[in-house]
Structures are given as C-alpha cells and as structure tokens.
C-alpha atoms as a PDB file:
ATOM      1  CA  MET A   1     -42.626  -7.184  -6.163  1.00  0.00           C
ATOM      2  CA  LEU A   2     -40.411  -8.785  -4.848  1.00  0.00           C
ATOM      3  CA  LEU A   3     -37.743  -7.632  -6.714  1.00  0.00           C
ATOM      4  CA  LEU A   4     -38.695  -3.930  -6.624  1.00  0.00           C
ATOM      5  CA  LEU A   5     -38.373  -3.913  -2.821  1.00  0.00           C
ATOM      6  CA  SER A   6     -35.233  -5.516  -2.477  1.00  0.00           C
ATOM      7  CA  GLY A   7     -33.450  -2.336  -4.219  1.00  0.00           C
ATOM      8  CA  CYS A   8     -30.067  -2.736  -6.154  1.00  0.00           C
ATOM      9  CA  THR A   9     -27.199  -1.027  -5.565  1.00  0.00           C
ATOM     10  CA  LYS A  10     -24.645   0.224  -8.015  1.00  0.00           C
ATOM     11  CA  ALA A  11     -22.235   2.870  -9.002  1.00  0.00           C
ATOM     12  CA  TYR A  12     -22.901   7.110  -8.881  1.00  0.00           C
ATOM     13  CA  THR A  13     -21.414   8.301 -12.287  1.00  0.00           C
ATOM     14  CA  ASP A  14     -20.004  12.073 -12.145  1.00  0.00           C
ATOM     15  CA  TYR A  15     -20.003  12.448 -15.040  1.00  0.00           C
ATOM     16  CA  SER A  16     -21.994  12.339 -18.232  1.00  0.00           C
ATOM     17  CA  GLY A  17     -21.581  10.070 -21.528  1.00  0.00           C
ATOM     18  CA  PRO A  18     -21.132   6.615 -22.225  1.00  0.00           C
ATOM     19  CA  PRO A  19     -19.864   4.120 -19.116  1.00  0.00           C
ATOM     20  CA  ARG A  20     -15.996   4.271 -19.527  1.00  0.00           C
ATOM     21  CA  PRO A  21     -13.468   1.629 -18.480  1.00  0.00           C
ATOM     22  CA  GLU A  22     -12.241   1.501 -14.941  1.00  0.00           C
ATOM     23  CA  ASN A  23      -8.561   2.480 -15.894  1.00  0.00           C
ATOM     24  CA  ASP A  24     -10.248   5.761 -17.444  1.00  0.00           C
ATOM     25  CA  ILE A  25     -11.748   6.872 -14.355  1.00  0.00           C
ATOM     26  CA  ALA A  26     -11.291   6.849  -9.798  1.00  0.00           C
ATOM     27  CA  VAL A  27     -13.878   4.499  -7.296  1.00  0.00           C
ATOM     28  CA  ILE A  28     -14.308   5.978  -4.515  1.00  0.00           C
ATOM     29  CA  THR A  29     -16.398   3.807  -1.793  1.00  0.00           C
ATOM     30  CA  PRO A  30     -17.826   5.376   1.969  1.00  0.00           C
ATOM     31  CA  ASP A  31     -16.082   2.944   4.493  1.00  0.00           C
ATOM     32  CA  SER A  32     -18.681   1.819   7.481  1.00  0.00           C
ATOM     33  CA  GLY A  33     -19.817   5.309   9.583  1.00  0.00           C
ATOM     34  CA  VAL A  34     -19.361   7.428   6.921  1.00  0.00           C
ATOM     35  CA  ARG A  35     -21.869   8.242   3.627  1.00  0.00           C
ATOM     36  CA  ILE A  36     -21.228  10.460   1.005  1.00  0.00           C
ATOM     37  CA  HIS A  37     -24.109  12.856   0.702  1.00  0.00           C
ATOM     38  CA  ALA A  38     -22.478  14.676  -2.351  1.00  0.00           C
ATOM     39  CA  VAL A  39     -20.566  14.848  -5.191  1.00  0.00           C
ATOM     40  CA  ASN A  40     -19.207  18.113  -6.393  1.00  0.00           C
ATOM     41  CA  GLU A  41     -22.660  19.513  -4.945  1.00  0.00           C
ATOM     42  CA  THR A  42     -24.744  17.482  -6.430  1.00  0.00           C
ATOM     43  CA  VAL A  43     -26.620  15.378  -3.742  1.00  0.00           C
ATOM     44  CA  VAL A  44     -26.478  11.413  -4.049  1.00  0.00           C
ATOM     45  CA  ASP A  45     -26.405   9.672  -0.690  1.00  0.00           C
ATOM     46  CA  VAL A  46     -24.055   7.178  -0.791  1.00  0.00           C
ATOM     47  CA  LYS A  47     -23.944   5.039   1.902  1.00  0.00           C
ATOM     48  CA  PRO A  48     -21.713   2.304   2.696  1.00  0.00           C
ATOM     49  CA  GLY A  49     -22.171  -2.037   1.855  1.00  0.00           C
ATOM     50  CA  SER A  50     -25.106  -2.476   0.040  1.00  0.00           C
ATOM     51  CA  ALA A  51     -28.167  -1.258   1.626  1.00  0.00           C
ATOM     52  CA  LYS A  52     -31.407  -2.616   0.520  1.00  0.00           C
ATOM     53  CA  GLY A  53     -34.447  -0.460   0.081  1.00  0.00           C
ATOM     54  CA  LEU A  54     -37.331   0.605  -2.293  1.00  0.00           C
ATOM     55  CA  TYR A  55     -35.180   2.668  -4.410  1.00  0.00           C
ATOM     56  CA  ILE A  56     -32.163   1.937  -5.865  1.00  0.00           C
ATOM     57  CA  THR A  57     -28.997   2.723  -3.565  1.00  0.00           C
ATOM     58  CA  TYR A  58     -25.249   4.168  -4.322  1.00  0.00           C
ATOM     59  CA  ASN A  59     -22.923   2.330  -2.560  1.00  0.00           C
ATOM     60  CA  ARG A  60     -19.864   4.085  -4.595  1.00  0.00           C
ATOM     61  CA  VAL A  61     -19.051   6.983  -7.107  1.00  0.00           C
ATOM     62  CA  GLN A  62     -17.303   7.113 -10.248  1.00  0.00           C
ATOM     63  CA  VAL A  63     -15.356  10.142 -11.074  1.00  0.00           C
ATOM     64  CA  LEU A  64     -12.565  11.294 -14.252  1.00  0.00           C
ATOM     65  CA  PRO A  65      -9.084  11.732 -12.791  1.00  0.00           C
ATOM     66  CA  GLY A  66      -8.946  15.013 -10.677  1.00  0.00           C
ATOM     67  CA  GLU A  67      -9.776  17.123  -7.916  1.00  0.00           C
ATOM     68  CA  HIS A  68     -13.786  16.356  -6.329  1.00  0.00           C
ATOM     69  CA  THR A  69     -15.543  18.398  -3.810  1.00  0.00           C
ATOM     70  CA  LEU A  70     -17.359  15.296  -1.530  1.00  0.00           C
ATOM     71  CA  THR A  71     -20.037  16.453   1.630  1.00  0.00           C
ATOM     72  CA  LEU A  72     -19.840  13.529   4.028  1.00  0.00           C
ATOM     73  CA  ILE A  73     -22.173  12.477   6.841  1.00  0.00           C
ATOM     74  CA  PRO A  74     -21.279   9.898   9.816  1.00  0.00           C
ATOM     75  CA  GLN A  75     -23.598   6.967   8.954  1.00  0.00           C
ATOM     76  CA  GLY A  76     -26.174   6.826  11.126  1.00  0.00           C
ATOM     77  CA  ILE A  77     -27.046  10.566  11.894  1.00  0.00           C
ATOM     78  CA  ASP A  78     -30.263  11.185  10.444  1.00  0.00           C
ATOM     79  CA  THR A  79     -31.704  13.793  12.778  1.00  0.00           C
ATOM     80  CA  VAL A  80     -29.103  16.321  13.061  1.00  0.00           C
ATOM     81  CA  LYS A  81     -27.796  16.648  10.046  1.00  0.00           C
ATOM     82  CA  THR A  82     -23.216  17.053  10.796  1.00  0.00           C
ATOM     83  CA  PHE A  83     -22.228  18.006   6.970  1.00  0.00           C
ATOM     84  CA  THR A  84     -18.463  17.817   6.398  1.00  0.00           C
ATOM     85  CA  ARG A  85     -17.102  19.218   3.148  1.00  0.00           C
ATOM     86  CA  LEU A  86     -13.701  17.910   1.887  1.00  0.00           C
ATOM     87  CA  THR A  87     -11.485  17.849  -1.527  1.00  0.00           C
ATOM     88  CA  ALA A  88      -9.736  14.857  -3.219  1.00  0.00           C
ATOM     89  CA  ARG A  89      -7.405  14.234  -5.849  1.00  0.00           C
ATOM     90  CA  VAL A  90      -8.012  11.325  -7.498  1.00  0.00           C
ATOM     91  CA  GLU A  91      -6.775   9.379 -10.424  1.00  0.00           C
ATOM     92  CA  ALA A  92      -7.852   6.680 -13.070  1.00  0.00           C
ATOM     93  CA  GLY A  93      -7.467   3.164 -12.604  1.00  0.00           C
ATOM     94  CA  LYS A  94      -7.129   3.213  -8.968  1.00  0.00           C
ATOM     95  CA  ARG A  95      -9.929   2.696  -6.111  1.00  0.00           C
ATOM     96  CA  TYR A  96     -10.399   5.183  -3.136  1.00  0.00           C
ATOM     97  CA  ARG A  97     -12.234   4.910   0.045  1.00  0.00           C
ATOM     98  CA  VAL A  98     -13.797   7.407   2.243  1.00  0.00           C
ATOM     99  CA  ARG A  99     -12.675   6.852   6.120  1.00  0.00           C
ATOM    100  CA  SER A 100     -14.214   7.997   9.609  1.00  0.00           C
ATOM    101  CA  GLN A 101     -12.950   7.976  12.939  1.00  0.00           C
ATOM    102  CA  PHE A 102     -14.685   9.059  15.914  1.00  0.00           C
ATOM    103  CA  TYR A 103     -13.215  10.862  18.971  1.00  0.00           C
ATOM    104  CA  PRO A 104     -15.133  10.596  21.422  1.00  0.00           C
ATOM    105  CA  GLY A 105     -15.692  13.617  24.097  1.00  0.00           C
ATOM    106  CA  ALA A 106     -16.377  14.007  27.672  1.00  0.00           C
ATOM    107  CA  THR A 107     -20.301  13.489  26.711  1.00  0.00           C
ATOM    108  CA  ASP A 108     -21.890  12.549  23.664  1.00  0.00           C
ATOM    109  CA  ALA A 109     -22.015  16.332  22.610  1.00  0.00           C
ATOM    110  CA  ARG A 110     -17.780  16.974  22.638  1.00  0.00           C
ATOM    111  CA  GLY A 111     -17.029  14.478  20.630  1.00  0.00           C
ATOM    112  CA  TYR A 112     -16.397  14.871  17.086  1.00  0.00           C
ATOM    113  CA  TYR A 113     -15.343  13.344  13.245  1.00  0.00           C
ATOM    114  CA  LYS A 114     -12.245  13.431  11.419  1.00  0.00           C
ATOM    115  CA  PHE A 115     -12.782  12.098   7.718  1.00  0.00           C
ATOM    116  CA  TRP A 116     -10.508  11.926   5.288  1.00  0.00           C
ATOM    117  CA  VAL A 117     -10.322   9.488   1.780  1.00  0.00           C
ATOM    118  CA  ASP A 118      -7.208   7.311   1.054  1.00  0.00           C
ATOM    119  CA  ASN A 119      -5.833   4.685  -1.971  1.00  0.00           C
ATOM    120  CA  GLU A 120      -7.212   1.186  -0.548  1.00  0.00           C
ATOM    121  CA  LYS A 121      -4.032  -0.394  -2.176  1.00  0.00           C
ATOM    122  CA  THR A 122      -1.391   1.894  -1.010  1.00  0.00           C
ATOM    123  CA  GLY A 123      -2.929   3.405   1.993  1.00  0.00           C
ATOM    124  CA  ALA A 124      -1.702   7.020   1.219  1.00  0.00           C
ATOM    125  CA  VAL A 125      -4.309   9.580   2.171  1.00  0.00           C
ATOM    126  CA  VAL A 126      -5.168  11.915  -1.250  1.00  0.00           C
ATOM    127  CA  SER A 127      -7.499  14.704   0.784  1.00  0.00           C
ATOM    128  CA  ASP A 128      -7.454  16.882   2.953  1.00  0.00           C
ATOM    129  CA  ILE A 129      -8.473  15.806   6.591  1.00  0.00           C
ATOM    130  CA  ALA A 130     -12.398  17.109   7.993  1.00  0.00           C
ATOM    131  CA  GLU A 131     -13.682  17.547  11.239  1.00  0.00           C
ATOM    132  CA  SER A 132     -17.086  17.174  12.174  1.00  0.00           C
ATOM    133  CA  ARG A 133     -18.680  18.300  15.325  1.00  0.00           C
ATOM    134  CA  ASN A 134     -22.268  18.314  16.635  1.00  0.00           C
ATOM    135  CA  PRO A 135     -23.283  22.015  15.939  1.00  0.00           C
ATOM    136  CA  PHE A 136     -25.172  21.831  19.386  1.00  0.00           C
ATOM    137  CA  GLN A 137     -22.523  21.351  21.408  1.00  0.00           C
ATOM    138  CA  PRO A 138     -22.507  23.326  24.662  1.00  0.00           C
ATOM    139  CA  SER A 139     -19.058  25.862  24.140  1.00  0.00           C
ATOM    140  CA  LYS A 140     -16.306  25.403  26.522  1.00  0.00           C
END
C-alpha cells in the first residue's frame, strides 16, 4: 500500500508503438515554474521534478522529431488557469527544457509570464516565445 501512495514519475510518450531509443526521439522537460498541460491537444499534465501523488505523474515528454504544440500553465496556478500555447521544433536525440519567467507589474494582477523551449545543451531557443497574462487583470 505504501508503494501505491508514493506515486511514480515517468515520461509521457506522444507516439504509439513500442518504446524507441533516445536517438530516435526528443525529450522535453518542464523547468520549475511551468507545467505542460497538453501536448498536441492531448491533456497530460506534466509537472517539473518528481512530484509524488496517488497516481503516476509525468515529469517529461517523449516526442518524435518535428513540430509540437505545447499548452503551458505557470506552476502553482490552479484556481485561475492561464493557458498559453507555443510551437516547438525539436530534433531526434536531443533534450529540451520548457522555460518560464515572471515579469511583475505594478500589482500581481498586472504581471505576466513568458514561456519558451530551448535546447538543454546549447541554450538555443527552438520555439516561439509566448506570453501568459492574468485574464482578470484590470484594463489599462
């Protein structure tokens, strides 16, 4: 029973068929501060690190090379979800990281996040850069 409660982290695989060697796929991992809510319109909820829970928790995504749409949420925002989409172009055999940065405003309600995906080894950005704002922020 204790083993069940400790949970397990693993990769979400966004392709069908048997597991493929790492040099045939790309691995995308969320940085602390961001969750991958969906990959190519499939809801997966990939969290940074190795969060524990009752169920299997995904902490990375394995995809085939090419373009992929990621739907992102700032980590820790569970009441008002601020979804942001971006497209990343990934290559086989490489590892990528979803990055986020918060830009504070005059108040928290005016702050916003920027998201992007980069190559873990080189730091090269491989996606568009997307912004996420509080949908309830006051008008300017």
